[in-house]
C-alpha atoms as a PDB file:
ATOM      1  CA  LYS A   1       7.737  16.220 -19.197  1.00  0.00           C
ATOM      2  CA  GLN A   2      11.531  16.123 -19.182  1.00  0.00           C
ATOM      3  CA  TRP A   3      11.749  15.257 -15.472  1.00  0.00           C
ATOM      4  CA  TYR A   4       9.466  12.242 -15.945  1.00  0.00           C
ATOM      5  CA  GLN A   5      11.310  11.017 -19.074  1.00  0.00           C
ATOM      6  CA  ARG A   6      14.652  11.530 -17.368  1.00  0.00           C
ATOM      7  CA  ARG A   7      13.435   9.553 -14.365  1.00  0.00           C
ATOM      8  CA  VAL A   8      12.260   6.643 -16.535  1.00  0.00           C
ATOM      9  CA  ARG A   9      15.422   6.586 -18.636  1.00  0.00           C
ATOM     10  CA  GLY A  10      17.551   6.586 -15.513  1.00  0.00           C
ATOM     11  CA  THR A  11      15.962   3.387 -14.277  1.00  0.00           C
ATOM     12  CA  ARG A  12      16.829   1.454 -17.458  1.00  0.00           C
ATOM     13  CA  VAL A  13      20.558   1.432 -16.699  1.00  0.00           C
ATOM     14  CA  ILE A  14      22.209  -1.494 -14.934  1.00  0.00           C
ATOM     15  CA  ALA A  15      22.775  -0.709 -11.266  1.00  0.00           C
ATOM     16  CA  SER A  16      26.408   0.087 -10.517  1.00  0.00           C
ATOM     17  CA  GLN A  17      26.175  -1.745  -7.183  1.00  0.00           C
ATOM     18  CA  ASP A  18      24.117  -4.763  -6.206  1.00  0.00           C
ATOM     19  CA  GLU A  19      22.678  -2.843  -3.233  1.00  0.00           C
ATOM     20  CA  ASP A  20      21.083  -0.368  -5.671  1.00  0.00           C
ATOM     21  CA  LEU A  21      18.937  -2.957  -7.465  1.00  0.00           C
ATOM     22  CA  GLU A  22      15.749  -2.258  -5.513  1.00  0.00           C
ATOM     23  CA  LYS A  23      15.896   1.438  -6.465  1.00  0.00           C
ATOM     24  CA  HIS A  24      15.093   0.593 -10.083  1.00  0.00           C
ATOM     25  CA  ILE A  25      11.985   0.129 -12.183  1.00  0.00           C
ATOM     26  CA  VAL A  26      12.405  -2.000 -15.299  1.00  0.00           C
ATOM     27  CA  THR A  27      10.525  -2.820 -18.485  1.00  0.00           C
ATOM     28  CA  PRO A  28      10.597  -6.111 -20.449  1.00  0.00           C
ATOM     29  CA  GLY A  29      14.064  -6.774 -21.857  1.00  0.00           C
ATOM     30  CA  ASP A  30      15.947  -4.499 -19.458  1.00  0.00           C
ATOM     31  CA  VAL A  31      19.119  -5.982 -18.006  1.00  0.00           C
ATOM     32  CA  ILE A  32      18.831  -6.198 -14.223  1.00  0.00           C
ATOM     33  CA  THR A  33      22.339  -7.383 -13.390  1.00  0.00           C
ATOM     34  CA  GLN A  34      25.328  -9.070 -14.989  1.00  0.00           C
ATOM     35  CA  ASN A  35      26.318 -10.652 -11.699  1.00  0.00           C
ATOM     36  CA  LEU A  36      25.485 -14.336 -12.167  1.00  0.00           C
ATOM     37  CA  ASP A  37      25.841 -14.960  -8.441  1.00  0.00           C
ATOM     38  CA  PHE A  38      22.201 -13.854  -8.241  1.00  0.00           C
ATOM     39  CA  MET A  39      19.354 -16.338  -8.756  1.00  0.00           C
ATOM     40  CA  LYS A  40      16.429 -15.478 -11.034  1.00  0.00           C
ATOM     41  CA  SER A  41      12.840 -15.656  -9.826  1.00  0.00           C
ATOM     42  CA  HIS A  42       9.400 -14.392 -10.911  1.00  0.00           C
ATOM     43  CA  GLY A  43       9.495 -11.854 -13.731  1.00  0.00           C
ATOM     44  CA  THR A  44      13.113 -12.507 -14.726  1.00  0.00           C
ATOM     45  CA  MET A  45      15.021 -14.649 -17.227  1.00  0.00           C
ATOM     46  CA  LEU A  46      18.619 -15.772 -17.665  1.00  0.00           C
ATOM     47  CA  GLY A  47      20.382 -15.216 -21.001  1.00  0.00           C
ATOM     48  CA  ASN A  48      23.496 -13.710 -22.608  1.00  0.00           C
ATOM     49  CA  ASP A  49      25.361 -13.908 -19.300  1.00  0.00           C
ATOM     50  CA  ASN A  50      22.922 -11.598 -17.528  1.00  0.00           C
ATOM     51  CA  ILE A  51      19.545 -11.572 -15.780  1.00  0.00           C
ATOM     52  CA  SER A  52      16.841  -9.637 -17.623  1.00  0.00           C
ATOM     53  CA  SER A  53      13.289  -8.583 -16.863  1.00  0.00           C
ATOM     54  CA  THR A  54      10.285 -10.191 -18.557  1.00  0.00           C
ATOM     55  CA  VAL A  55       7.674  -7.812 -17.123  1.00  0.00           C
ATOM     56  CA  ALA A  56       7.387  -4.122 -16.290  1.00  0.00           C
ATOM     57  CA  GLY A  57       7.668  -3.402 -12.591  1.00  0.00           C
ATOM     58  CA  ALA A  58       9.916  -2.855  -9.594  1.00  0.00           C
ATOM     59  CA  ILE A  59      12.931  -5.005  -8.732  1.00  0.00           C
ATOM     60  CA  HIS A  60      12.666  -6.935  -5.483  1.00  0.00           C
ATOM     61  CA  LYS A  61      15.787  -8.503  -3.956  1.00  0.00           C
ATOM     62  CA  VAL A  62      16.013 -10.957  -1.039  1.00  0.00           C
ATOM     63  CA  ASP A  63      19.646 -11.889  -0.397  1.00  0.00           C
ATOM     64  CA  LYS A  64      20.711 -13.341  -3.776  1.00  0.00           C
ATOM     65  CA  LEU A  65      17.186 -13.921  -5.129  1.00  0.00           C
ATOM     66  CA  VAL A  66      16.033 -11.304  -7.651  1.00  0.00           C
ATOM     67  CA  SER A  67      12.456 -10.911  -8.886  1.00  0.00           C
ATOM     68  CA  VAL A  68      10.362  -8.230 -10.587  1.00  0.00           C
ATOM     69  CA  ARG A  69       6.963  -7.266  -9.209  1.00  0.00           C
ATOM     70  CA  SER A  70       4.696  -6.367 -12.092  1.00  0.00           C
ATOM     71  CA  VAL A  71       2.914  -3.030 -11.781  1.00  0.00           C
ATOM     72  CA  SER A  72      -0.360  -4.459 -13.097  1.00  0.00           C
ATOM     73  CA  SER A  73      -0.242  -7.794 -11.269  1.00  0.00           C
ATOM     74  CA  ARG A  74      -2.368  -8.857  -8.323  1.00  0.00           C
ATOM     75  CA  TYR A  75      -1.060  -8.287  -4.831  1.00  0.00           C
ATOM     76  CA  ARG A  76       1.107 -11.107  -3.485  1.00  0.00           C
ATOM     77  CA  GLY A  77       1.203 -10.851   0.261  1.00  0.00           C
ATOM     78  CA  GLU A  78       3.980 -11.625   2.674  1.00  0.00           C
ATOM     79  CA  VAL A  79       3.796 -12.421   6.375  1.00  0.00           C
ATOM     80  CA  GLY A  80       3.843  -9.179   8.355  1.00  0.00           C
ATOM     81  CA  ASP A  81       2.296  -6.997   5.644  1.00  0.00           C
ATOM     82  CA  ILE A  82      -0.194  -4.360   6.796  1.00  0.00           C
ATOM     83  CA  VAL A  83      -3.290  -4.548   4.596  1.00  0.00           C
ATOM     84  CA  VAL A  84      -6.523  -2.616   4.219  1.00  0.00           C
ATOM     85  CA  GLY A  85      -9.485  -4.583   2.895  1.00  0.00           C
ATOM     86  CA  ARG A  86     -13.249  -4.686   2.539  1.00  0.00           C
ATOM     87  CA  VAL A  87     -15.349  -7.474   4.051  1.00  0.00           C
ATOM     88  CA  THR A  88     -17.148  -9.354   1.265  1.00  0.00           C
ATOM     89  CA  GLU A  89     -18.729 -12.294   3.085  1.00  0.00           C
ATOM     90  CA  VAL A  90     -19.452 -13.567   6.578  1.00  0.00           C
ATOM     91  CA  GLN A  91     -19.002 -17.329   6.905  1.00  0.00           C
ATOM     92  CA  GLN A  92     -18.875 -19.816   9.736  1.00  0.00           C
ATOM     93  CA  LYS A  93     -16.261 -18.583  12.220  1.00  0.00           C
ATOM     94  CA  LYS A  94     -14.527 -16.429   9.575  1.00  0.00           C
ATOM     95  CA  TRP A  95     -14.823 -13.443   7.282  1.00  0.00           C
ATOM     96  CA  LYS A  96     -13.784 -13.172   3.638  1.00  0.00           C
ATOM     97  CA  VAL A  97     -11.966  -9.906   2.917  1.00  0.00           C
ATOM     98  CA  ASP A  98     -11.090  -8.360  -0.450  1.00  0.00           C
ATOM     99  CA  CYS A  99      -7.451  -7.217  -0.221  1.00  0.00           C
ATOM    100  CA  GLY A 100      -6.711  -7.034  -3.946  1.00  0.00           C
ATOM    101  CA  SER A 101      -5.041 -10.449  -4.065  1.00  0.00           C
ATOM    102  CA  ARG A 102      -5.954 -13.315  -6.396  1.00  0.00           C
ATOM    103  CA  LEU A 103      -8.151 -14.884  -3.709  1.00  0.00           C
ATOM    104  CA  ASP A 104     -10.069 -13.201  -0.915  1.00  0.00           C
ATOM    105  CA  CYS A 105      -8.194 -13.044   2.379  1.00  0.00           C
ATOM    106  CA  GLN A 106      -9.456 -15.051   5.341  1.00  0.00           C
ATOM    107  CA  LEU A 107      -9.977 -13.566   8.796  1.00  0.00           C
ATOM    108  CA  GLN A 108     -10.752 -16.122  11.495  1.00  0.00           C
ATOM    109  CA  LEU A 109     -13.047 -15.252  14.382  1.00  0.00           C
ATOM    110  CA  SER A 110     -10.342 -16.521  16.741  1.00  0.00           C
ATOM    111  CA  SER A 111      -7.882 -13.952  15.309  1.00  0.00           C
ATOM    112  CA  VAL A 112      -9.714 -10.755  16.249  1.00  0.00           C
ATOM    113  CA  TYR A 113     -10.092  -8.672  19.387  1.00  0.00           C
ATOM    114  CA  LEU A 114     -13.658  -8.384  20.600  1.00  0.00           C
ATOM    115  CA  PRO A 115     -15.170  -5.028  21.623  1.00  0.00           C
ATOM    116  CA  GLY A 116     -13.677  -4.008  24.920  1.00  0.00           C
ATOM    117  CA  ASN A 117     -10.176  -5.086  23.877  1.00  0.00           C
ATOM    118  CA  VAL A 118     -10.765  -8.718  24.813  1.00  0.00           C
ATOM    119  CA  LEU A 119      -8.826 -11.580  23.245  1.00  0.00           C
ATOM    120  CA  ARG A 120     -10.253 -14.864  24.551  1.00  0.00           C
ATOM    121  CA  ARG A 121     -11.643 -18.174  23.403  1.00  0.00           C
ATOM    122  CA  LYS A 122     -14.687 -17.528  21.219  1.00  0.00           C
ATOM    123  CA  ASN A 123     -18.007 -19.263  21.914  1.00  0.00           C
ATOM    124  CA  LEU A 124     -21.325 -19.758  20.122  1.00  0.00           C
ATOM    125  CA  ASN A 125     -22.620 -16.336  21.140  1.00  0.00           C
ATOM    126  CA  ASP A 126     -19.585 -14.691  19.530  1.00  0.00           C
ATOM    127  CA  GLU A 127     -20.266 -16.609  16.328  1.00  0.00           C
ATOM    128  CA  LEU A 128     -23.869 -15.395  16.279  1.00  0.00           C
ATOM    129  CA  MET A 129     -22.649 -11.811  16.791  1.00  0.00           C
ATOM    130  CA  MET A 130     -20.132 -11.852  13.943  1.00  0.00           C
ATOM    131  CA  ARG A 131     -22.054  -9.322  11.845  1.00  0.00           C
ATOM    132  CA  GLU A 132     -22.093  -6.980  14.840  1.00  0.00           C
ATOM    133  CA  TYR A 133     -18.295  -6.933  14.694  1.00  0.00           C
ATOM    134  CA  PHE A 134     -17.693  -6.794  10.925  1.00  0.00           C
ATOM    135  CA  ALA A 135     -20.445  -6.813   8.302  1.00  0.00           C
ATOM    136  CA  GLU A 136     -20.314  -6.956   4.517  1.00  0.00           C
ATOM    137  CA  GLY A 137     -18.919  -3.712   3.130  1.00  0.00           C
ATOM    138  CA  ASP A 138     -16.934  -2.732   6.237  1.00  0.00           C
ATOM    139  CA  LEU A 139     -13.376  -1.525   5.756  1.00  0.00           C
ATOM    140  CA  ILE A 140     -10.840  -3.110   8.094  1.00  0.00           C
ATOM    141  CA  CYS A 141      -7.117  -2.974   8.721  1.00  0.00           C
ATOM    142  CA  ALA A 142      -5.187  -6.118   9.630  1.00  0.00           C
ATOM    143  CA  GLU A 143      -1.852  -7.906   9.300  1.00  0.00           C
ATOM    144  CA  VAL A 144      -0.956 -10.902   7.146  1.00  0.00           C
ATOM    145  CA  SER A 145      -0.240 -13.882   9.392  1.00  0.00           C
ATOM    146  CA  GLU A 146       0.041 -16.727   6.885  1.00  0.00           C
ATOM    147  CA  VAL A 147       0.387 -17.320   3.134  1.00  0.00           C
ATOM    148  CA  GLY A 148      -1.043 -20.559   1.723  1.00  0.00           C
ATOM    149  CA  ASN A 149       1.564 -22.857   0.187  1.00  0.00           C
ATOM    150  CA  LEU A 150      -0.714 -24.280  -2.506  1.00  0.00           C
ATOM    151  CA  ASP A 151      -3.169 -21.562  -3.528  1.00  0.00           C
ATOM    152  CA  GLY A 152      -1.476 -18.474  -2.037  1.00  0.00           C
ATOM    153  CA  MET A 153      -4.535 -17.537   0.025  1.00  0.00           C
ATOM    154  CA  LEU A 154      -3.710 -14.969   2.691  1.00  0.00           C
ATOM    155  CA  LYS A 155      -4.766 -15.347   6.287  1.00  0.00           C
ATOM    156  CA  ILE A 156      -4.913 -12.114   8.262  1.00  0.00           C
ATOM    157  CA  HIS A 157      -5.262 -11.348  11.952  1.00  0.00           C
ATOM    158  CA  MET A 158      -5.578  -8.451  14.380  1.00  0.00           C
ATOM    159  CA  ARG A 159      -2.929  -9.044  17.005  1.00  0.00           C
ATOM    160  CA  THR A 160      -3.548  -5.758  18.788  1.00  0.00           C
ATOM    161  CA  HIS A 161      -6.552  -3.497  19.270  1.00  0.00           C
ATOM    162  CA  GLU A 162      -4.494  -0.304  19.145  1.00  0.00           C
ATOM    163  CA  LYS A 163      -3.963  -0.261  15.368  1.00  0.00           C
ATOM    164  CA  TYR A 164      -6.087  -2.928  13.735  1.00  0.00           C
ATOM    165  CA  GLY A 165      -9.840  -3.159  13.424  1.00  0.00           C
ATOM    166  CA  LYS A 166     -12.761  -1.516  11.663  1.00  0.00           C
ATOM    167  CA  LEU A 167     -12.020   1.779   9.928  1.00  0.00           C
ATOM    168  CA  PRO A 168     -14.405   4.732  10.352  1.00  0.00           C
ATOM    169  CA  GLU A 169     -15.506   7.284   7.757  1.00  0.00           C
ATOM    170  CA  GLY A 170     -12.826   8.038   5.206  1.00  0.00           C
ATOM    171  CA  VAL A 171     -11.736   7.628   1.599  1.00  0.00           C
ATOM    172  CA  LEU A 172     -10.270   4.468   0.077  1.00  0.00           C
ATOM    173  CA  ILE A 173      -7.847   4.787  -2.852  1.00  0.00           C
ATOM    174  CA  LYS A 174      -6.654   1.750  -4.790  1.00  0.00           C
ATOM    175  CA  VAL A 175      -3.142   2.113  -6.228  1.00  0.00           C
ATOM    176  CA  PRO A 176      -0.612  -0.392  -7.639  1.00  0.00           C
ATOM    177  CA  SER A 177       0.896  -2.199  -4.657  1.00  0.00           C
ATOM    178  CA  VAL A 178       4.362  -1.738  -6.138  1.00  0.00           C
ATOM    179  CA  LEU A 179       4.051   2.012  -5.437  1.00  0.00           C
ATOM    180  CA  ILE A 180       3.709   1.474  -1.661  1.00  0.00           C
ATOM    181  CA  LYS A 181       7.116   1.866  -0.079  1.00  0.00           C
ATOM    182  CA  ARG A 182       7.740  -0.900   2.441  1.00  0.00           C
ATOM    183  CA  SER A 183       8.655   0.420   5.861  1.00  0.00           C
ATOM    184  CA  LYS A 184       8.166  -0.292   9.542  1.00  0.00           C
ATOM    185  CA  LEU A 185       5.398   2.296   9.763  1.00  0.00           C
ATOM    186  CA  HIS A 186       2.272   2.222   7.592  1.00  0.00           C
ATOM    187  CA  PHE A 187       0.038   4.228   9.966  1.00  0.00           C
ATOM    188  CA  HIS A 188       0.688   7.946   9.660  1.00  0.00           C
ATOM    189  CA  ARG A 189      -0.993  10.612  11.793  1.00  0.00           C
ATOM    190  CA  LEU A 190      -0.241  13.717   9.763  1.00  0.00           C
ATOM    191  CA  PRO A 191       0.033  17.198  11.302  1.00  0.00           C
ATOM    192  CA  CYS A 192      -2.887  18.339   9.130  1.00  0.00           C
ATOM    193  CA  ASN A 193      -5.245  16.395  11.485  1.00  0.00           C
ATOM    194  CA  ALA A 194      -5.712  13.491   9.072  1.00  0.00           C
ATOM    195  CA  THR A 195      -4.579   9.873   9.171  1.00  0.00           C
ATOM    196  CA  VAL A 196      -3.192   7.950   6.194  1.00  0.00           C
ATOM    197  CA  ILE A 197      -2.862   4.155   6.204  1.00  0.00           C
ATOM    198  CA  LEU A 198      -0.664   2.859   3.394  1.00  0.00           C
ATOM    199  CA  GLY A 199      -1.678  -0.765   2.948  1.00  0.00           C
ATOM    200  CA  SER A 200       1.021  -2.963   1.460  1.00  0.00           C
ATOM    201  CA  ASN A 201      -1.673  -4.335  -0.841  1.00  0.00           C
ATOM    202  CA  GLY A 202      -2.137  -0.963  -2.551  1.00  0.00           C
ATOM    203  CA  PHE A 203      -5.261   0.050  -0.611  1.00  0.00           C
ATOM    204  CA  VAL A 204      -4.701   3.517   0.855  1.00  0.00           C
ATOM    205  CA  TRP A 205      -7.127   4.855   3.455  1.00  0.00           C
ATOM    206  CA  VAL A 206      -7.374   8.573   4.243  1.00  0.00           C
ATOM    207  CA  GLY A 207      -9.554   9.830   7.069  1.00  0.00           C
ATOM    208  CA  PRO A 208      -9.693  11.607  10.427  1.00  0.00           C
ATOM    209  CA  HIS A 209      -7.701  10.609  13.501  1.00  0.00           C
ATOM    210  CA  PHE A 210      -9.441   7.777  15.313  1.00  0.00           C
ATOM    211  CA  VAL A 211      -9.119   5.242  18.100  1.00  0.00           C
ATOM    212  CA  PRO A 212     -10.375   1.704  17.263  1.00  0.00           C
ATOM    213  CA  ASP A 213     -13.719   0.662  18.812  1.00  0.00           C
ATOM    214  CA  GLN A 214     -14.470   4.229  19.835  1.00  0.00           C
ATOM    215  CA  PRO A 215     -16.955   6.545  18.085  1.00  0.00           C
ATOM    216  CA  ILE A 216     -15.566   9.570  16.289  1.00  0.00           C
ATOM    217  CA  GLU A 217     -16.966  13.056  16.229  1.00  0.00           C
ATOM    218  CA  VAL A 218     -18.738  14.494  13.208  1.00  0.00           C
ATOM    219  CA  VAL A 219     -16.154  15.319  10.552  1.00  0.00           C
ATOM    220  CA  SER A 220     -16.055  19.074  10.006  1.00  0.00           C
ATOM    221  CA  MET A 221     -16.080  20.693   6.562  1.00  0.00           C
ATOM    222  CA  THR A 222     -12.509  21.899   7.086  1.00  0.00           C
ATOM    223  CA  LEU A 223     -11.306  18.370   7.771  1.00  0.00           C
ATOM    224  CA  ARG A 224     -13.304  17.050   4.809  1.00  0.00           C
ATOM    225  CA  GLU A 225     -11.492  19.523   2.573  1.00  0.00           C
ATOM    226  CA  THR A 226      -8.143  18.429   4.049  1.00  0.00           C
ATOM    227  CA  ILE A 227      -8.953  14.776   3.344  1.00  0.00           C
ATOM    228  CA  ALA A 228     -10.034  15.614  -0.217  1.00  0.00           C
ATOM    229  CA  ARG A 229      -6.792  17.536  -0.764  1.00  0.00           C
ATOM    230  CA  LEU A 230      -4.711  14.598   0.479  1.00  0.00           C
ATOM    231  CA  VAL A 231      -6.633  12.213  -1.770  1.00  0.00           C
ATOM    232  CA  ASN A 232      -6.008  14.375  -4.847  1.00  0.00           C
ATOM    233  CA  VAL A 233      -2.312  14.707  -3.971  1.00  0.00           C
ATOM    234  CA  ILE A 234      -1.996  10.922  -3.730  1.00  0.00           C
ATOM    235  CA  LYS A 235      -3.768  10.529  -7.076  1.00  0.00           C
ATOM    236  CA  ALA A 236      -1.317  12.994  -8.643  1.00  0.00           C
ATOM    237  CA  LEU A 237       1.701  11.116  -7.297  1.00  0.00           C
ATOM    238  CA  VAL A 238       0.309   7.766  -8.457  1.00  0.00           C
ATOM    239  CA  ALA A 239      -0.489   9.135 -11.928  1.00  0.00           C
ATOM    240  CA  TYR A 240       3.221   9.793 -12.453  1.00  0.00           C
ATOM    241  CA  GLY A 241       4.459   6.595 -10.823  1.00  0.00           C
ATOM    242  CA  VAL A 242       5.897   8.217  -7.696  1.00  0.00           C
ATOM    243  CA  GLN A 243       6.333   5.820  -4.777  1.00  0.00           C
ATOM    244  CA  LEU A 244       4.171   6.655  -1.760  1.00  0.00           C
ATOM    245  CA  PHE A 245       5.438   7.258   1.762  1.00  0.00           C
ATOM    246  CA  ASP A 246       4.551   9.760   4.474  1.00  0.00           C
ATOM    247  CA  THR A 247       7.206  12.394   3.724  1.00  0.00           C
ATOM    248  CA  ILE A 248       6.440  12.712   0.028  1.00  0.00           C
ATOM    249  CA  ILE A 249       2.692  12.904   0.706  1.00  0.00           C
ATOM    250  CA  LEU A 250       3.252  15.747   3.189  1.00  0.00           C
ATOM    251  CA  THR A 251       5.498  17.510   0.682  1.00  0.00           C
ATOM    252  CA  GLY A 252       2.819  17.214  -2.001  1.00  0.00           C
ATOM    253  CA  TYR A 253       0.213  18.472   0.457  1.00  0.00           C
ATOM    254  CA  ASP A 254       2.263  21.576   1.270  1.00  0.00           C
ATOM    255  CA  ILE A 255       2.800  22.275  -2.447  1.00  0.00           C
ATOM    256  CA  SER A 256      -0.922  21.893  -3.135  1.00  0.00           C
ATOM    257  CA  LEU A 257      -1.960  24.576  -0.635  1.00  0.00           C
ATOM    258  CA  LYS A 258      -1.654  27.315  -3.270  1.00  0.00           C
ATOM    259  CA  TYR A 259      -4.365  25.616  -5.324  1.00  0.00           C
ATOM    260  CA  LYS A 260      -8.031  24.999  -4.661  1.00  0.00           C
ATOM    261  CA  VAL A 261      -8.991  21.375  -4.069  1.00  0.00           C
ATOM    262  CA  LYS A 262     -10.860  21.037  -7.365  1.00  0.00           C
ATOM    263  CA  GLU A 263      -7.881  22.493  -9.267  1.00  0.00           C
ATOM    264  CA  LEU A 264      -5.724  19.557  -8.146  1.00  0.00           C
ATOM    265  CA  LEU A 265      -7.451  17.349 -10.734  1.00  0.00           C
ATOM    266  CA  LYS A 266      -6.081  19.386 -13.651  1.00  0.00           C
ATOM    267  CA  SER A 267      -3.341  17.542 -15.536  1.00  0.00           C
ATOM    268  CA  GLU A 268      -0.836  20.410 -15.409  1.00  0.00           C
ATOM    269  CA  VAL A 269      -1.342  20.849 -11.655  1.00  0.00           C
ATOM    270  CA  MET A 270      -0.987  17.106 -11.050  1.00  0.00           C
ATOM    271  CA  GLU A 271       2.273  17.096 -12.998  1.00  0.00           C
ATOM    272  CA  HIS A 272       3.591  20.098 -11.054  1.00  0.00           C
ATOM    273  CA  ILE A 273       2.815  18.494  -7.688  1.00  0.00           C
ATOM    274  CA  ALA A 274       4.323  15.145  -8.710  1.00  0.00           C
ATOM    275  CA  GLN A 275       7.459  16.773 -10.132  1.00  0.00           C
ATOM    276  CA  GLU A 276       8.092  19.083  -7.170  1.00  0.00           C
ATOM    277  CA  SER A 277       7.434  16.302  -4.643  1.00  0.00           C
ATOM    278  CA  TYR A 278       9.688  13.822  -6.425  1.00  0.00           C
ATOM    279  CA  GLU A 279      12.566  16.278  -6.855  1.00  0.00           C
ATOM    280  CA  HIS A 280      12.274  17.383  -3.228  1.00  0.00           C
ATOM    281  CA  SER A 281      12.509  13.760  -2.049  1.00  0.00           C
ATOM    282  CA  GLN A 282      15.515  13.184  -4.302  1.00  0.00           C
ATOM    283  CA  HIS A 283      17.333  16.171  -2.780  1.00  0.00           C
ATOM    284  CA  GLN A 284      16.657  14.858   0.726  1.00  0.00           C
ATOM    285  CA  THR A 285      18.192  11.449  -0.073  1.00  0.00           C
ATOM    286  CA  LEU A 286      21.381  12.960  -1.506  1.00  0.00           C
END
């Protein structure tokens, strides 16, 4: 596994430029930067005229504030994050949603579009119909609108009916949130007739193309096989710590076409897909 060892060793070197900090993954004790103009935050410590990591994870930089997001830590949301979650409880005028954070997220009845793409003041009848909209066990997609100052509880909303709402049949994969590459687009309609939603919270949904609040057709066996192939490709990339984004998933999918779906679970095949996908993405960035 020389490519994997080489990749890990390469991330343990101090970045030559401050702009390169976020491209690195560190382990406890690794020196992040010797530039003391930076301020330390979560997962870092100051000592010996440098800022070092105290946890294993990815470096996150906001202006001059440097922190390390632990790979094994709970998801810490930020306003604007796209999240995928499962409804756990229906309460008065709100739903509790499991998004992988320390506390369940909160979705207010006043923050959702009603069937028929209506956003209006909710009344008693809407409150009585809450389980008709989202029931326990439903998968939904929403956006973080607020982060609690005291307890860190996330409040989510659905500001448009075109992207957010209840998700239809599909497969949910839970991965470390640090492996989800932050971008402007988290909804990807792939040319293989499948849709992938990369939740910033590490919940990845793979399923057929769909339009919210509209029924979908019966999923064919061919499309089921495509979805299963995509799921196994994502699992292979995650197993080797490769960051997820649409291009690298498509590359892994194309590489996997010479194997049967069930063969993608073999360790040597997973390594081959992860290695080829990672090296291909590296060549594209050069």
